[in-house]
């Protein structure tokens, strides 16, 4: 597999976990949409964050909108 360019391939994704979050309060978790290049060293750029931005069930970018499914179990109740 070849890279798209010498700079690597740009990827986007929803970050649901970061090793550094274990040392801080959940109030400061930066759930959101991030960009990174597929090359060493990996550098991550934060694009958008929100408390409930957790695409745990997939999603699609259509036009200028991002649609995603969020699955969560809260006190024994499944919420989608």
PDB file of N, CA and C in Angstrom:
ATOM      1  N   UNK A   1       0.843  -1.174   0.000  1.00  0.00           N
ATOM      2  CA  UNK A   1       0.000   0.000   0.000  1.00  0.00           C
ATOM      3  C   UNK A   1       0.888   1.237   0.000  1.00  0.00           C
ATOM      4  N   UNK A   2       0.606   2.161  -0.873  1.00  0.00           N
ATOM      5  CA  UNK A   2       1.376   3.396  -0.944  1.00  0.00           C
ATOM      6  C   UNK A   2       0.600   4.539  -0.311  1.00  0.00           C
ATOM      7  N   UNK A   3       1.324   5.480   0.222  1.00  0.00           N
ATOM      8  CA  UNK A   3       0.690   6.670   0.789  1.00  0.00           C
ATOM      9  C   UNK A   3       0.212   7.577  -0.323  1.00  0.00           C
ATOM     10  N   UNK A   4      -0.762   8.409  -0.034  1.00  0.00           N
ATOM     11  CA  UNK A   4      -1.304   9.331  -1.022  1.00  0.00           C
ATOM     12  C   UNK A   4      -0.257  10.365  -1.442  1.00  0.00           C
ATOM     13  N   UNK A   5       0.647  10.701  -0.549  1.00  0.00           N
ATOM     14  CA  UNK A   5       1.712  11.650  -0.834  1.00  0.00           C
ATOM     15  C   UNK A   5       2.842  11.396   0.154  1.00  0.00           C
ATOM     16  N   UNK A   6       3.916  12.138   0.015  1.00  0.00           N
ATOM     17  CA  UNK A   6       5.018  11.993   0.966  1.00  0.00           C
ATOM     18  C   UNK A   6       4.589  12.392   2.372  1.00  0.00           C
ATOM     19  N   UNK A   7       3.584  13.247   2.466  1.00  0.00           N
ATOM     20  CA  UNK A   7       3.102  13.692   3.773  1.00  0.00           C
ATOM     21  C   UNK A   7       2.186  12.668   4.434  1.00  0.00           C
ATOM     22  N   UNK A   8       1.829  11.608   3.719  1.00  0.00           N
ATOM     23  CA  UNK A   8       0.937  10.605   4.279  1.00  0.00           C
ATOM     24  C   UNK A   8      -0.495  10.814   3.839  1.00  0.00           C
ATOM     25  N   UNK A   9      -1.385  10.028   4.408  1.00  0.00           N
ATOM     26  CA  UNK A   9      -2.807  10.123   4.085  1.00  0.00           C
ATOM     27  C   UNK A   9      -3.526  10.739   5.268  1.00  0.00           C
ATOM     28  N   UNK A  10      -4.377  11.738   5.000  1.00  0.00           N
ATOM     29  CA  UNK A  10      -5.122  12.405   6.057  1.00  0.00           C
ATOM     30  C   UNK A  10      -6.349  11.563   6.412  1.00  0.00           C
ATOM     31  N   UNK A  11      -6.534  11.328   7.691  1.00  0.00           N
ATOM     32  CA  UNK A  11      -7.673  10.554   8.186  1.00  0.00           C
ATOM     33  C   UNK A  11      -8.454  11.389   9.195  1.00  0.00           C
ATOM     34  N   UNK A  12      -9.745  11.092   9.326  1.00  0.00           N
ATOM     35  CA  UNK A  12     -10.603  11.751  10.310  1.00  0.00           C
ATOM     36  C   UNK A  12     -11.283  10.673  11.149  1.00  0.00           C
ATOM     37  N   UNK A  13     -11.554  10.989  12.387  1.00  0.00           N
ATOM     38  CA  UNK A  13     -12.243  10.023  13.226  1.00  0.00           C
ATOM     39  C   UNK A  13     -12.780  10.631  14.505  1.00  0.00           C
ATOM     40  N   UNK A  14     -13.716   9.910  15.112  1.00  0.00           N
ATOM     41  CA  UNK A  14     -14.319  10.310  16.378  1.00  0.00           C
ATOM     42  C   UNK A  14     -13.512   9.686  17.502  1.00  0.00           C
ATOM     43  N   UNK A  15     -12.913  10.507  18.345  1.00  0.00           N
ATOM     44  CA  UNK A  15     -12.104  10.015  19.458  1.00  0.00           C
ATOM     45  C   UNK A  15     -13.009   9.761  20.657  1.00  0.00           C
ATOM     46  N   UNK A  16     -12.998   8.512  21.120  1.00  0.00           N
ATOM     47  CA  UNK A  16     -13.810   8.107  22.266  1.00  0.00           C
ATOM     48  C   UNK A  16     -12.966   7.828  23.500  1.00  0.00           C
ATOM     49  N   UNK A  17     -11.641   7.726  23.311  1.00  0.00           N
ATOM     50  CA  UNK A  17     -10.746   7.425  24.430  1.00  0.00           C
ATOM     51  C   UNK A  17      -9.360   7.955  24.124  1.00  0.00           C
ATOM     52  N   UNK A  18      -8.711   8.470  25.141  1.00  0.00           N
ATOM     53  CA  UNK A  18      -7.333   8.934  25.052  1.00  0.00           C
ATOM     54  C   UNK A  18      -6.640   8.512  26.348  1.00  0.00           C
ATOM     55  N   UNK A  19      -5.451   7.960  26.267  1.00  0.00           N
ATOM     56  CA  UNK A  19      -4.738   7.502  27.468  1.00  0.00           C
ATOM     57  C   UNK A  19      -4.557   8.610  28.497  1.00  0.00           C
ATOM     58  N   UNK A  20      -4.450   9.861  28.068  1.00  0.00           N
ATOM     59  CA  UNK A  20      -4.250  10.962  29.011  1.00  0.00           C
ATOM     60  C   UNK A  20      -5.502  11.269  29.817  1.00  0.00           C
ATOM     61  N   UNK A  21      -6.681  10.831  29.351  1.00  0.00           N
ATOM     62  CA  UNK A  21      -7.913  11.124  30.066  1.00  0.00           C
ATOM     63  C   UNK A  21      -8.011  10.398  31.394  1.00  0.00           C
ATOM     64  N   UNK A  22      -7.278   9.326  31.579  1.00  0.00           N
ATOM     65  CA  UNK A  22      -7.346   8.553  32.825  1.00  0.00           C
ATOM     66  C   UNK A  22      -6.903   9.392  34.022  1.00  0.00           C
ATOM     67  N   UNK A  23      -6.104  10.415  33.774  1.00  0.00           N
ATOM     68  CA  UNK A  23      -5.563  11.210  34.874  1.00  0.00           C
ATOM     69  C   UNK A  23      -6.381  12.475  35.166  1.00  0.00           C
ATOM     70  N   UNK A  24      -7.487  12.685  34.438  1.00  0.00           N
ATOM     71  CA  UNK A  24      -8.290  13.892  34.658  1.00  0.00           C
ATOM     72  C   UNK A  24      -9.756  13.526  34.870  1.00  0.00           C
ATOM     73  N   UNK A  25     -10.523  14.493  35.288  1.00  0.00           N
ATOM     74  CA  UNK A  25     -11.952  14.296  35.524  1.00  0.00           C
ATOM     75  C   UNK A  25     -12.697  14.069  34.214  1.00  0.00           C
ATOM     76  N   UNK A  26     -13.762  13.261  34.247  1.00  0.00           N
ATOM     77  CA  UNK A  26     -14.559  12.995  33.047  1.00  0.00           C
ATOM     78  C   UNK A  26     -15.153  14.280  32.466  1.00  0.00           C
ATOM     79  N   UNK A  27     -15.292  15.319  33.293  1.00  0.00           N
ATOM     80  CA  UNK A  27     -15.810  16.601  32.807  1.00  0.00           C
ATOM     81  C   UNK A  27     -14.915  17.220  31.743  1.00  0.00           C
ATOM     82  N   UNK A  28     -13.665  16.782  31.676  1.00  0.00           N
ATOM     83  CA  UNK A  28     -12.706  17.370  30.747  1.00  0.00           C
ATOM     84  C   UNK A  28     -12.378  16.451  29.567  1.00  0.00           C
ATOM     85  N   UNK A  29     -13.074  15.328  29.425  1.00  0.00           N
ATOM     86  CA  UNK A  29     -12.828  14.444  28.291  1.00  0.00           C
ATOM     87  C   UNK A  29     -13.182  15.192  27.013  1.00  0.00           C
ATOM     88  N   UNK A  30     -12.345  15.091  26.027  1.00  0.00           N
ATOM     89  CA  UNK A  30     -12.525  15.864  24.790  1.00  0.00           C
ATOM     90  C   UNK A  30     -13.078  14.989  23.672  1.00  0.00           C
ATOM     91  N   UNK A  31     -14.288  14.436  23.878  1.00  0.00           N
ATOM     92  CA  UNK A  31     -14.927  13.656  22.825  1.00  0.00           C
ATOM     93  C   UNK A  31     -15.098  14.553  21.609  1.00  0.00           C
ATOM     94  N   UNK A  32     -14.833  14.017  20.435  1.00  0.00           N
ATOM     95  CA  UNK A  32     -15.018  14.860  19.272  1.00  0.00           C
ATOM     96  C   UNK A  32     -14.433  14.311  17.992  1.00  0.00           C
ATOM     97  N   UNK A  33     -14.351  15.181  17.007  1.00  0.00           N
ATOM     98  CA  UNK A  33     -13.902  14.864  15.659  1.00  0.00           C
ATOM     99  C   UNK A  33     -12.464  15.350  15.527  1.00  0.00           C
ATOM    100  N   UNK A  34     -11.569  14.450  15.091  1.00  0.00           N
ATOM    101  CA  UNK A  34     -10.147  14.752  15.010  1.00  0.00           C
ATOM    102  C   UNK A  34      -9.596  14.392  13.634  1.00  0.00           C
ATOM    103  N   UNK A  35      -8.482  15.010  13.305  1.00  0.00           N
ATOM    104  CA  UNK A  35      -7.792  14.757  12.039  1.00  0.00           C
ATOM    105  C   UNK A  35      -6.364  14.325  12.377  1.00  0.00           C
ATOM    106  N   UNK A  36      -5.844  13.374  11.615  1.00  0.00           N
ATOM    107  CA  UNK A  36      -4.448  12.994  11.801  1.00  0.00           C
ATOM    108  C   UNK A  36      -3.890  12.440  10.504  1.00  0.00           C
ATOM    109  N   UNK A  37      -2.572  12.481  10.398  1.00  0.00           N
ATOM    110  CA  UNK A  37      -1.881  11.959   9.223  1.00  0.00           C
ATOM    111  C   UNK A  37      -1.376  10.560   9.537  1.00  0.00           C
ATOM    112  N   UNK A  38      -1.501   9.656   8.568  1.00  0.00           N
ATOM    113  CA  UNK A  38      -1.058   8.271   8.747  1.00  0.00           C
ATOM    114  C   UNK A  38       0.433   8.176   8.437  1.00  0.00           C
ATOM    115  N   UNK A  39       1.244   8.674   9.350  1.00  0.00           N
ATOM    116  CA  UNK A  39       2.689   8.594   9.229  1.00  0.00           C
ATOM    117  C   UNK A  39       3.297   8.827  10.605  1.00  0.00           C
ATOM    118  N   UNK A  40       4.530   8.420  10.781  1.00  0.00           N
ATOM    119  CA  UNK A  40       5.244   8.643  12.044  1.00  0.00           C
ATOM    120  C   UNK A  40       5.914   9.998  12.028  1.00  0.00           C
ATOM    121  N   UNK A  41       5.879  10.724  13.113  1.00  0.00           N
ATOM    122  CA  UNK A  41       5.033  10.506  14.284  1.00  0.00           C
ATOM    123  C   UNK A  41       3.606  10.977  14.007  1.00  0.00           C
ATOM    124  N   UNK A  42       2.645  10.281  14.571  1.00  0.00           N
ATOM    125  CA  UNK A  42       1.241  10.645  14.380  1.00  0.00           C
ATOM    126  C   UNK A  42       0.960  11.923  15.166  1.00  0.00           C
ATOM    127  N   UNK A  43       0.448  12.916  14.482  1.00  0.00           N
ATOM    128  CA  UNK A  43       0.061  14.174  15.126  1.00  0.00           C
ATOM    129  C   UNK A  43      -1.447  14.336  14.968  1.00  0.00           C
ATOM    130  N   UNK A  44      -2.112  14.587  16.064  1.00  0.00           N
ATOM    131  CA  UNK A  44      -3.572  14.676  16.077  1.00  0.00           C
ATOM    132  C   UNK A  44      -3.990  16.139  16.184  1.00  0.00           C
ATOM    133  N   UNK A  45      -4.964  16.525  15.357  1.00  0.00           N
ATOM    134  CA  UNK A  45      -5.492  17.891  15.379  1.00  0.00           C
ATOM    135  C   UNK A  45      -6.972  17.833  15.745  1.00  0.00           C
ATOM    136  N   UNK A  46      -7.347  18.543  16.781  1.00  0.00           N
ATOM    137  CA  UNK A  46      -8.739  18.592  17.233  1.00  0.00           C
ATOM    138  C   UNK A  46      -9.529  19.500  16.297  1.00  0.00           C
ATOM    139  N   UNK A  47     -10.630  18.984  15.725  1.00  0.00           N
ATOM    140  CA  UNK A  47     -11.468  19.773  14.820  1.00  0.00           C
ATOM    141  C   UNK A  47     -12.741  20.263  15.495  1.00  0.00           C
ATOM    142  N   UNK A  48     -13.351  19.400  16.332  1.00  0.00           N
ATOM    143  CA  UNK A  48     -14.620  19.740  16.966  1.00  0.00           C
ATOM    144  C   UNK A  48     -14.804  18.856  18.188  1.00  0.00           C
ATOM    145  N   UNK A  49     -15.220  19.430  19.305  1.00  0.00           N
ATOM    146  CA  UNK A  49     -15.503  18.632  20.498  1.00  0.00           C
ATOM    147  C   UNK A  49     -16.854  19.023  21.082  1.00  0.00           C
ATOM    148  N   UNK A  50     -17.473  18.034  21.730  1.00  0.00           N
ATOM    149  CA  UNK A  50     -18.759  18.233  22.393  1.00  0.00           C
ATOM    150  C   UNK A  50     -18.946  17.075  23.361  1.00  0.00           C
ATOM    151  N   UNK A  51     -19.594  17.320  24.492  1.00  0.00           N
ATOM    152  CA  UNK A  51     -19.764  16.293  25.523  1.00  0.00           C
ATOM    153  C   UNK A  51     -20.411  15.015  25.014  1.00  0.00           C
ATOM    154  N   UNK A  52     -21.362  15.117  24.094  1.00  0.00           N
ATOM    155  CA  UNK A  52     -22.086  13.939  23.635  1.00  0.00           C
ATOM    156  C   UNK A  52     -21.748  13.553  22.200  1.00  0.00           C
ATOM    157  N   UNK A  53     -20.592  13.958  21.722  1.00  0.00           N
ATOM    158  CA  UNK A  53     -20.164  13.616  20.365  1.00  0.00           C
ATOM    159  C   UNK A  53     -19.436  12.276  20.418  1.00  0.00           C
ATOM    160  N   UNK A  54     -20.211  11.192  20.436  1.00  0.00           N
ATOM    161  CA  UNK A  54     -19.646   9.844  20.552  1.00  0.00           C
ATOM    162  C   UNK A  54     -20.286   8.946  19.504  1.00  0.00           C
ATOM    163  N   UNK A  55     -19.666   8.854  18.355  1.00  0.00           N
ATOM    164  CA  UNK A  55     -20.200   8.027  17.266  1.00  0.00           C
ATOM    165  C   UNK A  55     -19.838   6.569  17.523  1.00  0.00           C
ATOM    166  N   UNK A  56     -20.595   5.932  18.401  1.00  0.00           N
ATOM    167  CA  UNK A  56     -20.284   4.548  18.791  1.00  0.00           C
ATOM    168  C   UNK A  56     -20.929   3.517  17.876  1.00  0.00           C
ATOM    169  N   UNK A  57     -21.760   3.964  16.935  1.00  0.00           N
ATOM    170  CA  UNK A  57     -22.441   3.024  16.056  1.00  0.00           C
ATOM    171  C   UNK A  57     -22.276   3.313  14.581  1.00  0.00           C
ATOM    172  N   UNK A  58     -21.255   4.073  14.212  1.00  0.00           N
ATOM    173  CA  UNK A  58     -21.020   4.362  12.802  1.00  0.00           C
ATOM    174  C   UNK A  58     -21.615   5.699  12.396  1.00  0.00           C
ATOM    175  N   UNK A  59     -21.278   6.111  11.182  1.00  0.00           N
ATOM    176  CA  UNK A  59     -21.782   7.383  10.702  1.00  0.00           C
ATOM    177  C   UNK A  59     -21.401   7.620   9.260  1.00  0.00           C
ATOM    178  N   UNK A  60     -21.827   8.756   8.740  1.00  0.00           N
ATOM    179  CA  UNK A  60     -21.542   9.109   7.350  1.00  0.00           C
ATOM    180  C   UNK A  60     -21.474  10.619   7.212  1.00  0.00           C
ATOM    181  N   UNK A  61     -20.573  11.062   6.353  1.00  0.00           N
ATOM    182  CA  UNK A  61     -20.461  12.475   6.032  1.00  0.00           C
ATOM    183  C   UNK A  61     -21.212  12.678   4.725  1.00  0.00           C
ATOM    184  N   UNK A  62     -22.297  13.460   4.741  1.00  0.00           N
ATOM    185  CA  UNK A  62     -23.111  13.703   3.552  1.00  0.00           C
ATOM    186  C   UNK A  62     -23.208  15.208   3.353  1.00  0.00           C
ATOM    187  N   UNK A  63     -22.674  15.681   2.221  1.00  0.00           N
ATOM    188  CA  UNK A  63     -22.638  17.116   1.984  1.00  0.00           C
ATOM    189  C   UNK A  63     -21.791  17.789   3.035  1.00  0.00           C
ATOM    190  N   UNK A  64     -22.354  18.763   3.731  1.00  0.00           N
ATOM    191  CA  UNK A  64     -21.647  19.450   4.812  1.00  0.00           C
ATOM    192  C   UNK A  64     -22.077  18.978   6.192  1.00  0.00           C
ATOM    193  N   UNK A  65     -22.769  17.838   6.244  1.00  0.00           N
ATOM    194  CA  UNK A  65     -23.287  17.342   7.522  1.00  0.00           C
ATOM    195  C   UNK A  65     -22.708  15.986   7.870  1.00  0.00           C
ATOM    196  N   UNK A  66     -22.430  15.794   9.159  1.00  0.00           N
ATOM    197  CA  UNK A  66     -21.981  14.505   9.671  1.00  0.00           C
ATOM    198  C   UNK A  66     -23.136  13.896  10.446  1.00  0.00           C
ATOM    199  N   UNK A  67     -23.565  12.705  10.031  1.00  0.00           N
ATOM    200  CA  UNK A  67     -24.627  11.970  10.712  1.00  0.00           C
ATOM    201  C   UNK A  67     -23.993  10.760  11.377  1.00  0.00           C
ATOM    202  N   UNK A  68     -24.364  10.498  12.623  1.00  0.00           N
ATOM    203  CA  UNK A  68     -23.803   9.333  13.302  1.00  0.00           C
ATOM    204  C   UNK A  68     -24.802   8.748  14.280  1.00  0.00           C
ATOM    205  N   UNK A  69     -24.547   7.513  14.665  1.00  0.00           N
ATOM    206  CA  UNK A  69     -25.373   6.807  15.639  1.00  0.00           C
ATOM    207  C   UNK A  69     -24.598   6.737  16.945  1.00  0.00           C
ATOM    208  N   UNK A  70     -25.261   7.086  18.026  1.00  0.00           N
ATOM    209  CA  UNK A  70     -24.648   6.984  19.350  1.00  0.00           C
ATOM    210  C   UNK A  70     -25.450   5.981  20.176  1.00  0.00           C
ATOM    211  N   UNK A  71     -24.784   4.932  20.614  1.00  0.00           N
ATOM    212  CA  UNK A  71     -25.397   3.932  21.474  1.00  0.00           C
ATOM    213  C   UNK A  71     -24.844   4.133  22.872  1.00  0.00           C
ATOM    214  N   UNK A  72     -25.724   4.143  23.870  1.00  0.00           N
ATOM    215  CA  UNK A  72     -25.290   4.314  25.250  1.00  0.00           C
ATOM    216  C   UNK A  72     -26.254   3.581  26.174  1.00  0.00           C
ATOM    217  N   UNK A  73     -25.722   2.972  27.217  1.00  0.00           N
ATOM    218  CA  UNK A  73     -26.545   2.327  28.226  1.00  0.00           C
ATOM    219  C   UNK A  73     -26.455   3.176  29.491  1.00  0.00           C
ATOM    220  N   UNK A  74     -27.598   3.672  29.940  1.00  0.00           N
ATOM    221  CA  UNK A  74     -27.638   4.556  31.091  1.00  0.00           C
ATOM    222  C   UNK A  74     -28.610   4.001  32.116  1.00  0.00           C
ATOM    223  N   UNK A  75     -28.095   3.565  33.229  1.00  0.00           N
ATOM    224  CA  UNK A  75     -28.883   2.991  34.317  1.00  0.00           C
ATOM    225  C   UNK A  75     -29.767   1.849  33.815  1.00  0.00           C
ATOM    226  N   UNK A  76     -29.223   0.988  32.951  1.00  0.00           N
ATOM    227  CA  UNK A  76     -29.953  -0.165  32.461  1.00  0.00           C
ATOM    228  C   UNK A  76     -30.872   0.105  31.291  1.00  0.00           C
ATOM    229  N   UNK A  77     -30.885   1.341  30.799  1.00  0.00           N
ATOM    230  CA  UNK A  77     -31.733   1.711  29.663  1.00  0.00           C
ATOM    231  C   UNK A  77     -30.843   1.935  28.445  1.00  0.00           C
ATOM    232  N   UNK A  78     -31.159   1.242  27.346  1.00  0.00           N
ATOM    233  CA  UNK A  78     -30.409   1.434  26.117  1.00  0.00           C
ATOM    234  C   UNK A  78     -30.947   2.651  25.379  1.00  0.00           C
ATOM    235  N   UNK A  79     -30.040   3.571  25.064  1.00  0.00           N
ATOM    236  CA  UNK A  79     -30.433   4.767  24.318  1.00  0.00           C
ATOM    237  C   UNK A  79     -29.658   4.804  22.999  1.00  0.00           C
ATOM    238  N   UNK A  80     -30.375   5.040  21.910  1.00  0.00           N
ATOM    239  CA  UNK A  80     -29.728   5.092  20.604  1.00  0.00           C
ATOM    240  C   UNK A  80     -30.082   6.416  19.962  1.00  0.00           C
TER     241      UNK A  80
END
